[in-house]
């Protein structure tokens, strides 16, 4: 995290894309790193950025069943109605009742 903060202070972009058009926000959502998500959004990361498959960071949080990150992304303004390239919504990957409750609460 310290390296990211230093990079931001020196002018690095929170919107950099790498392999498969993944951003740091996709990575943080997939790994359940709430503090990183907050930091990236603070420095301009776009919540609804899509990877090469059309998946937003919200898809990554949902795919990893990370409910705290799902809630955080939604609270920060992530749009749950953005489909991936196959027309699926992030809610379609929900496996548990608890996950489905999140989508109901934020729809």
Protein backbone atom coordinates (compact mmCIF):
# COMPACT_ATOMS: atom_id res chain seq x y z
CA UNK A 1 0.00 0.00 0.00
CA UNK A 2 2.86 2.39 0.80
CA UNK A 3 4.21 2.02 -2.74
CA UNK A 4 0.82 2.89 -4.20
CA UNK A 5 0.52 5.98 -2.02
CA UNK A 6 4.02 7.08 -3.03
CA UNK A 7 3.22 6.50 -6.71
CA UNK A 8 0.03 8.54 -6.40
CA UNK A 9 1.85 11.41 -4.71
CA UNK A 10 4.37 11.38 -7.57
CA UNK A 11 1.57 11.57 -10.12
CA UNK A 12 0.91 7.96 -11.16
CA UNK A 13 -2.59 7.26 -12.42
CA UNK A 14 -5.05 5.07 -10.52
CA UNK A 15 -6.52 4.21 -13.93
CA UNK A 16 -3.61 2.21 -15.35
CA UNK A 17 -4.64 -0.97 -17.18
CA UNK A 18 -2.55 -4.08 -17.50
CA UNK A 19 -3.02 -7.66 -18.73
CA UNK A 20 -6.58 -8.36 -19.94
CA UNK A 21 -7.41 -4.68 -19.37
CA UNK A 22 -7.44 -5.22 -15.60
CA UNK A 23 -7.04 -2.21 -13.37
CA UNK A 24 -5.80 -2.06 -9.79
CA UNK A 25 -9.43 -1.67 -8.77
CA UNK A 26 -10.31 -5.02 -10.40
CA UNK A 27 -7.41 -6.59 -8.52
CA UNK A 28 -8.37 -5.04 -5.16
CA UNK A 29 -12.01 -6.11 -5.55
CA UNK A 30 -11.00 -9.66 -6.44
CA UNK A 31 -8.74 -9.94 -3.41
CA UNK A 32 -11.08 -8.24 -0.96
CA UNK A 33 -8.82 -5.31 -0.21
CA UNK A 34 -11.28 -2.68 1.02
CA UNK A 35 -8.66 -0.13 2.04
CA UNK A 36 -7.08 -0.34 -1.42
CA UNK A 37 -10.49 0.15 -3.05
CA UNK A 38 -11.07 3.28 -0.98
CA UNK A 39 -7.62 4.63 -1.81
CA UNK A 40 -7.92 3.95 -5.53
CA UNK A 41 -11.32 5.61 -5.73
CA UNK A 42 -10.00 8.58 -3.75
CA UNK A 43 -7.30 9.01 -6.40
CA UNK A 44 -9.65 8.77 -9.36
CA UNK A 45 -10.13 5.09 -10.18
CA UNK A 46 -13.35 4.60 -12.11
CA UNK A 47 -15.80 2.28 -10.33
CA UNK A 48 -17.43 1.01 -13.53
CA UNK A 49 -14.31 0.37 -15.60
CA UNK A 50 -14.61 -2.83 -17.66
CA UNK A 51 -11.98 -5.46 -18.43
CA UNK A 52 -11.69 -7.19 -21.82
CA UNK A 53 -14.67 -9.42 -20.90
CA UNK A 54 -16.75 -6.41 -19.92
CA UNK A 55 -16.55 -7.17 -16.22
CA UNK A 56 -16.44 -4.32 -13.72
CA UNK A 57 -14.71 -4.52 -10.33
CA UNK A 58 -18.14 -5.34 -8.89
CA UNK A 59 -18.09 -8.60 -10.89
CA UNK A 60 -14.73 -9.45 -9.34
CA UNK A 61 -16.01 -8.88 -5.81
CA UNK A 62 -19.11 -10.95 -6.58
CA UNK A 63 -17.12 -13.76 -8.23
CA UNK A 64 -14.99 -14.05 -5.10
CA UNK A 65 -18.10 -13.88 -2.87
CA UNK A 66 -16.61 -10.92 -1.04
CA UNK A 67 -19.69 -9.35 0.47
CA UNK A 68 -17.90 -6.47 2.27
CA UNK A 69 -16.28 -5.42 -1.03
CA UNK A 70 -19.54 -5.81 -2.91
CA UNK A 71 -21.24 -3.51 -0.39
CA UNK A 72 -18.37 -1.02 -0.44
CA UNK A 73 -18.32 -0.77 -4.23
CA UNK A 74 -22.09 -0.29 -4.31
CA UNK A 75 -21.94 2.34 -1.56
CA UNK A 76 -19.25 4.19 -3.50
CA UNK A 77 -21.49 4.24 -6.57
CA UNK A 78 -20.68 1.15 -8.63
CA UNK A 79 -23.48 0.41 -11.08
CA UNK A 80 -24.89 -3.14 -10.64
CA UNK A 81 -26.82 -2.90 -13.92
CA UNK A 82 -23.75 -2.95 -16.19
CA UNK A 83 -23.62 -6.31 -18.00
CA UNK A 84 -20.48 -8.10 -19.12
CA UNK A 85 -19.86 -8.98 -22.77
CA UNK A 86 -22.13 -12.04 -22.40
CA UNK A 87 -25.02 -9.93 -21.13
CA UNK A 88 -24.72 -11.19 -17.55
CA UNK A 89 -25.06 -8.90 -14.54
CA UNK A 90 -22.83 -9.06 -11.46
CA UNK A 91 -25.79 -10.41 -9.50
CA UNK A 92 -25.93 -13.47 -11.77
CA UNK A 93 -22.79 -14.92 -10.18
CA UNK A 94 -24.25 -14.85 -6.66
CA UNK A 95 -24.07 -18.21 -4.94
CA UNK A 96 -25.57 -17.62 -1.50
CA UNK A 97 -28.69 -16.07 0.00
CA UNK A 98 -26.49 -13.53 1.76
CA UNK A 99 -25.06 -12.38 -1.57
CA UNK A 100 -28.51 -12.18 -3.11
CA UNK A 101 -29.61 -10.04 -0.14
CA UNK A 102 -26.90 -7.52 -1.04
CA UNK A 103 -28.27 -7.13 -4.57
CA UNK A 104 -31.81 -6.72 -3.24
CA UNK A 105 -30.69 -4.05 -0.77
CA UNK A 106 -28.88 -2.04 -3.45
CA UNK A 107 -31.29 -2.39 -6.36
